[in-house]
Amino acid sequence: MKVFVIQPRKAKWVFWGSVAVLALQVFTFPFLAGDIVDVRELTALNGACIVIDPGHGGFDAGASRQKHIEKEINLAISLKLAEIVSKAGAHVVMTRESDIDYYERSKGKGGKRRDIERRIDIINGARGNVYISIHANAIPASRWTGAQVFYNPALPESKFLAEAMQEALKDFPPGNKRQAKQDLNILLLNRTTIPGVLIETGYLSNPQEAKHLSDPNYQQNMAYQIAKGLAYYFSRNAGR
């Protein structure tokens, strides 16, 4: 079983032109053209250990609609999130960082359970502060949209984390009125021993949202908002 670890990275200091603004020392780092991330918003992440689980992978593509494939979207958002939080000083452990699965020899239901159990082992063994599992939704109807966060209430911190994440994702898409929701039927949430959430980033069954979820700029913005939600959680939570 592989565990992928991303060490914290240093960002550079950038000073802006006028004396009045020189007092504001801003950590920035480039992602896509024109993007600047202000690490002052993410200082609470420094020193945290965050486990990121890109859902599905390898044999298991997850949901898909035309060229929009869940396992690829999950990994893309997760890698962007890992880059952001590691540059803010967080220690990152990923359950995968490429197109792999943990089904081993069984491709049926037993393989799926084995895959999830391997991810649970990684999360529990990482001794992290929190974990984030990234997924995308799909249902037969095409009208539904919106990112939604799920949690298990067994750990009170998970509810607070879920609410912070849902607030951070309120503009995906704009006007998203979904609320964080407890779910007792998700094996990953049931068996992990640290606070965590499962994020359904949107609906691949909605053509417009599927297009957004496959867009690198949309993914980058979403990853940054998730990072801000994590920073809010750590700024309000002394339970490290």
Protein backbone atom coordinates (compact mmCIF):
# COMPACT_ATOMS: atom_id res chain seq x y z
CA MET A 1 0.00 0.00 0.00
CA LYS A 2 1.46 3.35 -1.03
CA VAL A 3 1.05 6.54 0.97
CA PHE A 4 1.75 9.77 -0.86
CA VAL A 5 3.16 12.56 1.28
CA ILE A 6 3.58 16.17 0.23
CA GLN A 7 5.87 18.21 2.44
CA PRO A 8 5.11 21.84 3.30
CA ARG A 9 6.57 24.24 0.78
CA LYS A 10 7.85 27.75 1.19
CA ALA A 11 6.21 30.58 -0.65
CA LYS A 12 8.04 33.74 -1.56
CA TRP A 13 7.50 37.21 -0.17
CA VAL A 14 6.04 39.73 -2.60
CA PHE A 15 6.03 43.44 -1.82
CA TRP A 16 3.76 45.89 -3.57
CA GLY A 17 4.72 49.28 -4.89
CA SER A 18 3.73 51.98 -2.40
CA VAL A 19 5.07 52.56 1.09
CA ALA A 20 1.54 52.39 2.47
CA VAL A 21 1.15 48.89 1.17
CA LEU A 22 4.65 47.69 2.02
CA ALA A 23 3.39 46.88 5.50
CA LEU A 24 1.21 44.19 3.94
CA GLN A 25 3.62 41.39 3.23
CA VAL A 26 1.74 38.98 1.02
CA PHE A 27 2.72 35.41 0.34
CA THR A 28 1.74 34.62 -3.23
CA PHE A 29 2.31 31.77 -5.57
CA PRO A 30 1.22 31.26 -9.17
CA PHE A 31 -1.17 28.59 -10.37
CA LEU A 32 -2.94 29.34 -13.60
CA ALA A 33 -2.24 32.58 -15.40
CA GLY A 34 -3.50 35.54 -13.41
CA ASP A 35 -4.19 33.63 -10.20
CA ILE A 36 -2.72 34.94 -6.95
CA VAL A 37 -3.38 33.25 -3.64
CA ASP A 38 -3.05 35.38 -0.53
CA VAL A 39 -1.62 33.09 2.13
CA ARG A 40 -2.62 35.53 4.86
CA GLU A 41 -6.06 33.94 4.48
CA LEU A 42 -4.53 30.50 5.03
CA THR A 43 -2.11 31.07 7.93
CA ALA A 44 -4.15 28.81 10.23
CA LEU A 45 -3.12 25.87 8.03
CA ASN A 46 0.55 26.20 8.96
CA GLY A 47 1.62 23.04 10.80
CA ALA A 48 -1.64 21.17 10.22
CA CYS A 49 -1.67 17.64 8.83
CA ILE A 50 -4.38 17.21 6.19
CA VAL A 51 -5.26 13.94 4.48
CA ILE A 52 -6.77 14.29 1.01
CA ASP A 53 -8.64 11.40 -0.59
CA PRO A 54 -9.36 11.74 -4.33
CA GLY A 55 -12.31 9.39 -4.72
CA HIS A 56 -12.27 6.43 -7.13
CA GLY A 57 -9.34 5.91 -9.53
CA GLY A 58 -7.80 3.22 -11.69
CA PHE A 59 -10.34 0.51 -12.50
CA ASP A 60 -13.08 2.54 -10.79
CA ALA A 61 -13.95 5.59 -12.90
CA GLY A 62 -16.78 6.70 -10.64
CA ALA A 63 -19.58 8.67 -12.30
CA SER A 64 -19.11 9.86 -15.87
CA ARG A 65 -21.00 11.87 -18.44
CA GLN A 66 -19.53 11.95 -21.94
CA LYS A 67 -15.92 13.16 -21.54
CA HIS A 68 -16.41 14.22 -17.91
CA ILE A 69 -15.00 11.44 -15.71
CA GLU A 70 -15.30 11.61 -11.95
CA LYS A 71 -11.99 9.96 -11.03
CA GLU A 72 -10.11 12.52 -13.14
CA ILE A 73 -12.01 15.48 -11.72
CA ASN A 74 -11.52 14.25 -8.15
CA LEU A 75 -7.78 13.89 -8.65
CA ALA A 76 -7.40 17.25 -10.37
CA ILE A 77 -9.16 19.14 -7.58
CA SER A 78 -7.31 17.15 -4.91
CA LEU A 79 -3.88 17.87 -6.39
CA LYS A 80 -4.68 21.56 -6.63
CA LEU A 81 -5.87 21.55 -3.02
CA ALA A 82 -2.73 19.72 -1.91
CA GLU A 83 -0.55 22.31 -3.65
CA ILE A 84 -2.38 25.21 -2.03
CA VAL A 85 -2.38 23.92 1.55
CA SER A 86 1.19 22.62 1.40
CA LYS A 87 2.40 26.05 0.29
CA ALA A 88 0.50 27.49 3.25
CA GLY A 89 2.60 25.28 5.54
CA ALA A 90 0.39 22.22 5.94
CA HIS A 91 1.67 18.66 5.82
CA VAL A 92 -0.35 16.69 3.24
CA VAL A 93 -0.97 12.97 2.95
CA MET A 94 -2.85 11.73 -0.13
CA THR A 95 -4.53 8.37 -0.58
CA ARG A 96 -3.53 8.55 -4.24
CA GLU A 97 -1.77 11.05 -6.48
CA SER A 98 -2.23 9.25 -9.79
CA ASP A 99 -4.80 7.08 -11.58
CA ILE A 100 -4.66 4.02 -9.30
CA ASP A 101 -7.05 1.94 -7.24
CA TYR A 102 -6.75 -0.52 -4.36
CA TYR A 103 -9.04 -3.19 -5.77
CA GLU A 104 -6.12 -5.65 -6.06
CA ARG A 105 -7.35 -8.80 -7.82
CA SER A 106 -11.07 -8.44 -7.22
CA LYS A 107 -12.99 -6.06 -9.48
CA GLY A 108 -16.41 -6.74 -7.94
CA LYS A 109 -18.07 -5.51 -4.75
CA GLY A 110 -15.36 -7.12 -2.66
CA GLY A 111 -12.76 -5.12 -4.53
CA LYS A 112 -14.67 -1.89 -3.96
CA ARG A 113 -14.84 -2.52 -0.24
CA ARG A 114 -11.14 -3.40 -0.19
CA ASP A 115 -10.36 -0.15 -1.99
CA ILE A 116 -12.28 1.89 0.58
CA GLU A 117 -10.71 -0.01 3.47
CA ARG A 118 -7.23 0.77 2.13
CA ARG A 119 -8.14 4.45 2.05
CA ILE A 120 -9.45 4.20 5.61
CA ASP A 121 -6.16 2.61 6.68
CA ILE A 122 -4.20 5.46 5.09
CA ILE A 123 -6.38 8.11 6.72
CA ASN A 124 -6.27 6.52 10.16
CA GLY A 125 -2.56 5.76 9.91
CA ALA A 126 -1.57 9.26 8.86
CA ARG A 127 -2.27 10.74 12.30
CA GLY A 128 -3.66 13.78 10.57
CA ASN A 129 -5.83 16.51 11.98
CA VAL A 130 -8.57 16.17 9.35
CA TYR A 131 -9.30 14.49 6.05
CA ILE A 132 -11.16 15.62 2.96
CA SER A 133 -12.58 13.07 0.50
CA ILE A 134 -13.31 14.57 -2.92
CA HIS A 135 -16.08 13.17 -5.14
CA ALA A 136 -18.59 14.26 -7.79
CA ASN A 137 -22.28 13.37 -7.88
CA ALA A 138 -24.56 12.06 -10.62
CA ILE A 139 -28.23 11.09 -10.72
CA PRO A 140 -30.68 10.30 -13.55
CA ALA A 141 -32.26 13.79 -13.50
CA SER A 142 -30.17 16.54 -15.07
CA ARG A 143 -31.65 19.58 -13.31
CA TRP A 144 -29.84 19.24 -9.98
CA THR A 145 -26.66 21.21 -9.23
CA GLY A 146 -24.54 22.23 -6.29
CA ALA A 147 -21.65 21.10 -4.13
CA GLN A 148 -22.68 19.38 -0.90
CA VAL A 149 -20.71 18.17 2.11
CA PHE A 150 -21.41 14.98 4.08
CA TYR A 151 -20.19 13.98 7.53
CA ASN A 152 -20.65 11.42 10.28
CA PRO A 153 -21.81 13.03 13.57
CA ALA A 154 -19.87 10.54 15.72
CA LEU A 155 -17.11 13.16 15.95
CA PRO A 156 -18.50 16.63 16.74
CA GLU A 157 -15.55 18.25 14.94
CA SER A 158 -16.70 16.62 11.71
CA LYS A 159 -19.97 18.55 11.81
CA PHE A 160 -18.14 21.84 12.34
CA LEU A 161 -15.72 20.99 9.53
CA ALA A 162 -18.63 20.10 7.23
CA GLU A 163 -20.38 23.38 7.96
CA ALA A 164 -17.17 25.30 7.27
CA MET A 165 -16.74 23.43 3.99
CA GLN A 166 -20.35 23.99 2.93
CA GLU A 167 -20.05 27.71 3.61
CA ALA A 168 -16.84 27.82 1.57
CA LEU A 169 -18.63 26.15 -1.35
CA LYS A 170 -21.75 28.33 -1.35
CA ASP A 171 -20.85 29.79 -4.75
CA PHE A 172 -20.50 26.43 -6.49
CA PRO A 173 -22.62 27.25 -8.33
CA PRO A 174 -23.64 30.79 -7.26
CA GLY A 175 -26.74 30.64 -5.12
CA ASN A 176 -26.05 27.10 -3.92
CA LYS A 177 -28.43 26.58 -1.00
CA ARG A 178 -27.39 23.07 -0.07
CA GLN A 179 -26.59 22.38 3.57
CA ALA A 180 -24.01 20.11 5.16
CA LYS A 181 -25.67 16.76 5.74
CA GLN A 182 -24.96 13.89 8.09
CA ASP A 183 -24.80 10.44 6.52
CA LEU A 184 -24.44 7.20 8.46
CA ASN A 185 -24.25 4.98 5.38
CA ILE A 186 -20.86 5.99 3.96
CA LEU A 187 -18.25 3.42 4.96
CA LEU A 188 -15.36 5.87 4.74
CA LEU A 189 -17.05 8.30 7.13
CA ASN A 190 -18.08 5.51 9.49
CA ARG A 191 -14.67 3.93 9.94
CA THR A 192 -12.26 6.85 10.09
CA THR A 193 -11.01 8.00 13.48
CA ILE A 194 -10.22 11.66 12.79
CA PRO A 195 -12.59 14.49 11.82
CA GLY A 196 -13.39 14.46 8.13
CA VAL A 197 -15.91 15.08 5.39
CA LEU A 198 -16.86 13.81 1.97
CA ILE A 199 -17.43 16.58 -0.56
CA GLU A 200 -19.62 16.01 -3.60
CA THR A 201 -18.29 18.86 -5.71
CA GLY A 202 -21.28 18.99 -8.04
CA TYR A 203 -23.44 16.98 -10.43
CA LEU A 204 -21.93 15.44 -13.53
CA SER A 205 -25.51 14.66 -14.54
CA ASN A 206 -26.02 18.38 -15.14
CA PRO A 207 -24.30 19.23 -18.45
CA GLN A 208 -23.32 22.77 -17.46
CA GLU A 209 -21.99 21.79 -14.06
CA ALA A 210 -20.11 18.84 -15.58
CA LYS A 211 -18.42 21.28 -17.94
CA HIS A 212 -17.47 23.53 -15.02
CA LEU A 213 -16.09 20.65 -12.97
CA SER A 214 -13.79 19.67 -15.83
CA ASP A 215 -12.49 23.22 -16.21
CA PRO A 216 -9.04 23.77 -14.58
CA ASN A 217 -9.88 27.34 -13.55
CA TYR A 218 -13.10 26.23 -11.86
CA GLN A 219 -11.20 23.40 -10.15
CA GLN A 220 -8.55 25.86 -8.97
CA ASN A 221 -11.12 28.24 -7.53
CA MET A 222 -12.92 25.39 -5.80
CA ALA A 223 -9.68 24.05 -4.33
CA TYR A 224 -8.82 27.48 -2.98
CA GLN A 225 -12.24 27.87 -1.37
CA ILE A 226 -11.89 24.44 0.24
CA ALA A 227 -8.51 25.57 1.58
CA LYS A 228 -10.14 28.70 3.01
CA GLY A 229 -12.78 26.54 4.65
CA LEU A 230 -10.03 24.44 6.20
CA ALA A 231 -8.26 27.57 7.42
CA TYR A 232 -11.48 28.77 9.05
CA TYR A 233 -11.90 25.38 10.73
CA PHE A 234 -8.38 25.44 12.16
CA SER A 235 -8.65 29.09 13.20
CA ARG A 236 -11.73 28.21 15.29
CA ASN A 237 -10.63 24.80 16.46
CA ALA A 238 -7.90 24.39 19.04
CA GLY A 239 -8.06 20.61 18.89
CA ARG A 240 -4.86 19.95 16.97
